[in-house]
């Protein structure tokens, strides 16, 4: 038997033509591009969602700091007003005890 006959299996296993091979790889590539496009779209949506979450968290932190500052200022104003009221009472008491 000729060694070339052993390797020649074209009679029982159909070998694709060059055009069929190109079409096959084209379909594979198109499918990969579609899949990657879907993955990219999903990644972009995820990134957009994360950016929104981060922005909302920053806004919440800013609001909390603003509220804390306002509360502290109000407490300081109330303490100053109380101190002024106490000094006013003492001053009136001193003025009333003058001969």
N, C-alpha and C. Protein backbone atom coordinates (compact mmCIF):
# COMPACT_ATOMS: atom_id res chain seq x y z
N UNK A 1 0.85 -1.17 0.00
CA UNK A 1 0.00 0.00 0.00
C UNK A 1 0.90 1.24 0.00
N UNK A 2 0.51 2.19 -0.80
CA UNK A 2 1.28 3.43 -0.92
C UNK A 2 1.02 4.31 0.32
N UNK A 3 2.07 4.85 0.98
CA UNK A 3 1.88 5.68 2.17
C UNK A 3 1.01 6.90 1.92
N UNK A 4 1.00 7.41 0.73
CA UNK A 4 0.14 8.57 0.44
C UNK A 4 -1.33 8.19 0.47
N UNK A 5 -1.63 6.95 0.16
CA UNK A 5 -3.03 6.51 0.22
C UNK A 5 -3.55 6.46 1.65
N UNK A 6 -2.66 6.17 2.57
CA UNK A 6 -3.08 6.11 3.98
C UNK A 6 -3.52 7.48 4.46
N UNK A 7 -2.80 8.51 4.05
CA UNK A 7 -3.10 9.87 4.48
C UNK A 7 -4.25 10.49 3.70
N UNK A 8 -4.60 9.95 2.60
CA UNK A 8 -5.68 10.50 1.78
C UNK A 8 -7.02 9.98 2.28
N UNK A 9 -7.71 10.81 3.03
CA UNK A 9 -9.01 10.41 3.56
C UNK A 9 -10.12 11.24 2.94
N UNK A 10 -9.84 11.93 1.86
CA UNK A 10 -10.83 12.79 1.23
C UNK A 10 -12.02 12.03 0.69
N UNK A 11 -11.85 10.74 0.43
CA UNK A 11 -12.98 10.00 -0.10
C UNK A 11 -14.00 9.65 0.98
N UNK A 12 -13.62 9.54 2.24
CA UNK A 12 -14.59 9.19 3.27
C UNK A 12 -14.84 10.32 4.26
N UNK A 13 -13.95 11.33 4.34
CA UNK A 13 -14.15 12.49 5.21
C UNK A 13 -14.06 13.73 4.33
N UNK A 14 -15.18 14.37 4.15
CA UNK A 14 -15.23 15.52 3.26
C UNK A 14 -14.41 16.67 3.83
N UNK A 15 -13.47 17.18 3.10
CA UNK A 15 -12.66 18.33 3.49
C UNK A 15 -13.35 19.59 2.98
N UNK A 16 -13.49 20.60 3.85
CA UNK A 16 -14.16 21.82 3.42
C UNK A 16 -13.29 22.58 2.42
N UNK A 17 -13.96 23.29 1.57
CA UNK A 17 -13.22 24.11 0.61
C UNK A 17 -12.69 25.33 1.34
N UNK A 18 -11.84 26.08 0.69
CA UNK A 18 -11.28 27.29 1.29
C UNK A 18 -12.38 28.30 1.58
N UNK A 19 -13.33 28.43 0.69
CA UNK A 19 -14.44 29.34 0.88
C UNK A 19 -15.30 28.92 2.08
N UNK A 20 -15.57 27.62 2.21
CA UNK A 20 -16.35 27.13 3.36
C UNK A 20 -15.61 27.38 4.66
N UNK A 21 -14.31 27.19 4.65
CA UNK A 21 -13.51 27.45 5.85
C UNK A 21 -13.56 28.93 6.22
N UNK A 22 -13.44 29.79 5.21
CA UNK A 22 -13.52 31.23 5.47
C UNK A 22 -14.88 31.62 6.02
N UNK A 23 -15.96 31.07 5.45
CA UNK A 23 -17.31 31.36 5.95
C UNK A 23 -17.48 30.87 7.39
N UNK A 24 -16.94 29.71 7.68
CA UNK A 24 -17.02 29.16 9.03
C UNK A 24 -16.34 30.09 10.03
N UNK A 25 -15.12 30.52 9.74
CA UNK A 25 -14.40 31.41 10.65
C UNK A 25 -15.06 32.78 10.71
N UNK A 26 -15.67 33.21 9.62
CA UNK A 26 -16.41 34.47 9.63
C UNK A 26 -17.59 34.39 10.60
N UNK A 27 -18.34 33.28 10.56
CA UNK A 27 -19.47 33.10 11.49
C UNK A 27 -18.98 33.06 12.94
N UNK A 28 -17.90 32.37 13.17
CA UNK A 28 -17.34 32.31 14.53
C UNK A 28 -16.95 33.71 14.99
N UNK A 29 -16.28 34.45 14.12
CA UNK A 29 -15.86 35.80 14.47
C UNK A 29 -17.06 36.72 14.71
N UNK A 30 -18.08 36.62 13.86
CA UNK A 30 -19.29 37.42 14.05
C UNK A 30 -19.95 37.10 15.39
N UNK A 31 -20.03 35.83 15.74
CA UNK A 31 -20.63 35.44 17.03
C UNK A 31 -19.81 35.99 18.19
N UNK A 32 -18.51 35.93 18.08
CA UNK A 32 -17.65 36.47 19.14
C UNK A 32 -17.83 37.97 19.28
N UNK A 33 -17.93 38.66 18.14
CA UNK A 33 -18.14 40.12 18.17
C UNK A 33 -19.48 40.43 18.83
N UNK A 34 -20.53 39.69 18.49
CA UNK A 34 -21.83 39.91 19.12
C UNK A 34 -21.75 39.68 20.63
N UNK A 35 -21.11 38.61 21.04
CA UNK A 35 -20.98 38.31 22.46
C UNK A 35 -20.18 39.39 23.18
N UNK A 36 -19.09 39.81 22.58
CA UNK A 36 -18.27 40.86 23.19
C UNK A 36 -19.01 42.19 23.23
N UNK A 37 -19.83 42.46 22.22
CA UNK A 37 -20.64 43.68 22.22
C UNK A 37 -21.64 43.65 23.38
N UNK A 38 -22.26 42.51 23.59
CA UNK A 38 -23.20 42.38 24.73
C UNK A 38 -22.48 42.55 26.06
N UNK A 39 -21.31 41.93 26.17
CA UNK A 39 -20.54 42.06 27.41
C UNK A 39 -20.10 43.51 27.64
N UNK A 40 -19.70 44.19 26.57
CA UNK A 40 -19.31 45.60 26.68
C UNK A 40 -20.48 46.46 27.10
N UNK A 41 -21.64 46.22 26.51
CA UNK A 41 -22.84 46.98 26.88
C UNK A 41 -23.16 46.77 28.37
N UNK A 42 -23.10 45.52 28.81
CA UNK A 42 -23.37 45.21 30.22
C UNK A 42 -22.34 45.89 31.13
N UNK A 43 -21.07 45.85 30.73
CA UNK A 43 -20.03 46.50 31.53
C UNK A 43 -20.26 48.00 31.63
N UNK A 44 -20.66 48.61 30.51
CA UNK A 44 -20.94 50.05 30.52
C UNK A 44 -22.11 50.38 31.44
N UNK A 45 -23.15 49.56 31.40
CA UNK A 45 -24.30 49.77 32.29
C UNK A 45 -23.87 49.62 33.74
N UNK A 46 -23.04 48.62 34.02
CA UNK A 46 -22.55 48.42 35.39
C UNK A 46 -21.73 49.62 35.86
N UNK A 47 -20.85 50.11 34.99
CA UNK A 47 -20.02 51.26 35.34
C UNK A 47 -20.90 52.48 35.59
N UNK A 48 -21.89 52.70 34.73
CA UNK A 48 -22.80 53.83 34.91
C UNK A 48 -23.52 53.72 36.26
N UNK A 49 -23.97 52.51 36.58
CA UNK A 49 -24.64 52.29 37.87
C UNK A 49 -23.72 52.57 39.05
N UNK A 50 -22.46 52.12 38.94
CA UNK A 50 -21.51 52.37 40.02
C UNK A 50 -21.20 53.85 40.19
N UNK A 51 -21.10 54.57 39.07
CA UNK A 51 -20.85 56.01 39.13
C UNK A 51 -22.03 56.71 39.81
N UNK A 52 -23.25 56.30 39.47
CA UNK A 52 -24.43 56.89 40.11
C UNK A 52 -24.45 56.58 41.61
N UNK A 53 -24.13 55.35 41.98
CA UNK A 53 -24.10 54.98 43.40
C UNK A 53 -23.06 55.81 44.14
N UNK A 54 -21.90 56.00 43.53
CA UNK A 54 -20.84 56.78 44.16
C UNK A 54 -21.28 58.24 44.32
N UNK A 55 -21.91 58.78 43.28
CA UNK A 55 -22.38 60.16 43.35
C UNK A 55 -23.43 60.32 44.44
N UNK A 56 -24.34 59.36 44.53
CA UNK A 56 -25.38 59.43 45.57
C UNK A 56 -24.76 59.32 46.96
N UNK A 57 -23.74 58.48 47.10
CA UNK A 57 -23.07 58.35 48.39
C UNK A 57 -22.36 59.65 48.76
N UNK A 58 -21.70 60.28 47.78
CA UNK A 58 -21.04 61.57 48.03
C UNK A 58 -22.06 62.63 48.43
N UNK A 59 -23.20 62.64 47.75
CA UNK A 59 -24.25 63.60 48.08
C UNK A 59 -24.78 63.37 49.49
N UNK A 60 -24.98 62.11 49.83
CA UNK A 60 -25.46 61.79 51.18
C UNK A 60 -24.45 62.22 52.23
N UNK A 61 -23.15 62.00 51.97
CA UNK A 61 -22.11 62.43 52.90
C UNK A 61 -22.10 63.94 53.05
N UNK A 62 -22.24 64.65 51.93
CA UNK A 62 -22.27 66.12 51.98
C UNK A 62 -23.47 66.60 52.77
N UNK A 63 -24.62 65.98 52.55
CA UNK A 63 -25.82 66.37 53.32
C UNK A 63 -25.64 66.10 54.80
N UNK A 64 -25.02 64.96 55.13
CA UNK A 64 -24.79 64.64 56.54
C UNK A 64 -23.86 65.66 57.19
N UNK A 65 -22.77 66.01 56.48
CA UNK A 65 -21.83 66.99 57.03
C UNK A 65 -22.50 68.35 57.18
N UNK A 66 -23.33 68.71 56.22
CA UNK A 66 -24.05 69.99 56.29
C UNK A 66 -25.00 70.00 57.49
N UNK A 67 -25.70 68.91 57.69
CA UNK A 67 -26.62 68.81 58.83
C UNK A 67 -25.85 68.85 60.14
N UNK A 68 -24.73 68.15 60.20
CA UNK A 68 -23.90 68.17 61.41
C UNK A 68 -23.42 69.58 61.73
N UNK A 69 -22.98 70.30 60.69
CA UNK A 69 -22.49 71.67 60.88
C UNK A 69 -23.62 72.58 61.35
N UNK A 70 -24.79 72.42 60.74
CA UNK A 70 -25.94 73.23 61.13
C UNK A 70 -26.35 72.94 62.57
N UNK A 71 -26.37 71.67 62.94
CA UNK A 71 -26.73 71.30 64.31
C UNK A 71 -25.74 71.88 65.31
N UNK A 72 -24.45 71.76 64.99
CA UNK A 72 -23.42 72.30 65.88
C UNK A 72 -23.57 73.81 66.02
N UNK A 73 -23.82 74.48 64.91
CA UNK A 73 -24.00 75.94 64.95
C UNK A 73 -25.20 76.31 65.80
N UNK A 74 -26.30 75.58 65.64
CA UNK A 74 -27.50 75.87 66.44
C UNK A 74 -27.24 75.66 67.92
N UNK A 75 -26.51 74.60 68.29
CA UNK A 75 -26.20 74.37 69.70
C UNK A 75 -25.31 75.49 70.25
N UNK A 76 -24.35 75.92 69.44
CA UNK A 76 -23.48 77.01 69.88
C UNK A 76 -24.26 78.31 70.05
N UNK A 77 -25.18 78.59 69.11
CA UNK A 77 -26.02 79.79 69.24
C UNK A 77 -26.89 79.72 70.49
N UNK A 78 -27.47 78.54 70.74
CA UNK A 78 -28.30 78.40 71.95
C UNK A 78 -27.47 78.58 73.21
N UNK A 79 -26.25 78.04 73.20
CA UNK A 79 -25.38 78.19 74.38
C UNK A 79 -25.00 79.66 74.57
N UNK A 80 -24.70 80.35 73.48
CA UNK A 80 -24.37 81.78 73.58
C UNK A 80 -25.56 82.59 74.06
N UNK A 81 -26.75 82.28 73.54
CA UNK A 81 -27.96 82.98 73.98
C UNK A 81 -28.23 82.74 75.46
N UNK A 82 -28.01 81.51 75.91
CA UNK A 82 -28.20 81.20 77.33
C UNK A 82 -27.20 81.98 78.18
N UNK A 83 -25.96 82.04 77.72
CA UNK A 83 -24.92 82.76 78.46
C UNK A 83 -25.24 84.25 78.51
N UNK A 84 -25.71 84.81 77.38
CA UNK A 84 -26.10 86.22 77.34
C UNK A 84 -27.26 86.47 78.29
N UNK A 85 -28.23 85.56 78.32
CA UNK A 85 -29.38 85.71 79.22
C UNK A 85 -28.93 85.67 80.67
N UNK A 86 -28.00 84.77 81.00
CA UNK A 86 -27.49 84.68 82.37
C UNK A 86 -26.75 85.96 82.75
N UNK A 87 -25.93 86.48 81.82
CA UNK A 87 -25.21 87.72 82.10
C UNK A 87 -26.18 88.88 82.26
N UNK A 88 -27.25 88.89 81.47
CA UNK A 88 -28.25 89.95 81.58
C UNK A 88 -28.93 89.90 82.94
N UNK A 89 -29.25 88.70 83.39
CA UNK A 89 -29.88 88.55 84.72
C UNK A 89 -28.92 89.03 85.81
N UNK A 90 -27.66 88.64 85.70
CA UNK A 90 -26.67 89.07 86.71
C UNK A 90 -26.50 90.59 86.67
N UNK A 91 -26.46 91.18 85.47
CA UNK A 91 -26.29 92.63 85.35
C UNK A 91 -27.47 93.35 85.96
N UNK A 92 -28.68 92.85 85.71
CA UNK A 92 -29.85 93.47 86.29
C UNK A 92 -29.87 93.36 87.81
N UNK A 93 -29.38 92.19 88.28
CA UNK A 93 -29.30 91.97 89.73
C UNK A 93 -28.31 92.94 90.35
N UNK A 94 -27.19 93.15 89.66
CA UNK A 94 -26.19 94.08 90.17
C UNK A 94 -26.71 95.52 90.12
N UNK A 95 -27.42 95.85 89.05
CA UNK A 95 -27.97 97.20 88.94
C UNK A 95 -29.04 97.43 89.99
N UNK A 96 -29.77 96.40 90.34
CA UNK A 96 -30.83 96.54 91.34
C UNK A 96 -30.26 96.65 92.74
N UNK A 97 -29.07 96.14 92.97
CA UNK A 97 -28.49 96.21 94.31
C UNK A 97 -27.66 97.47 94.52
N UNK A 98 -27.53 98.34 93.51
CA UNK A 98 -26.79 99.59 93.66
C UNK A 98 -27.61 100.57 94.46
N UNK A 99 -26.91 101.33 95.35
CA UNK A 99 -27.65 102.32 96.16
C UNK A 99 -28.05 103.54 95.39
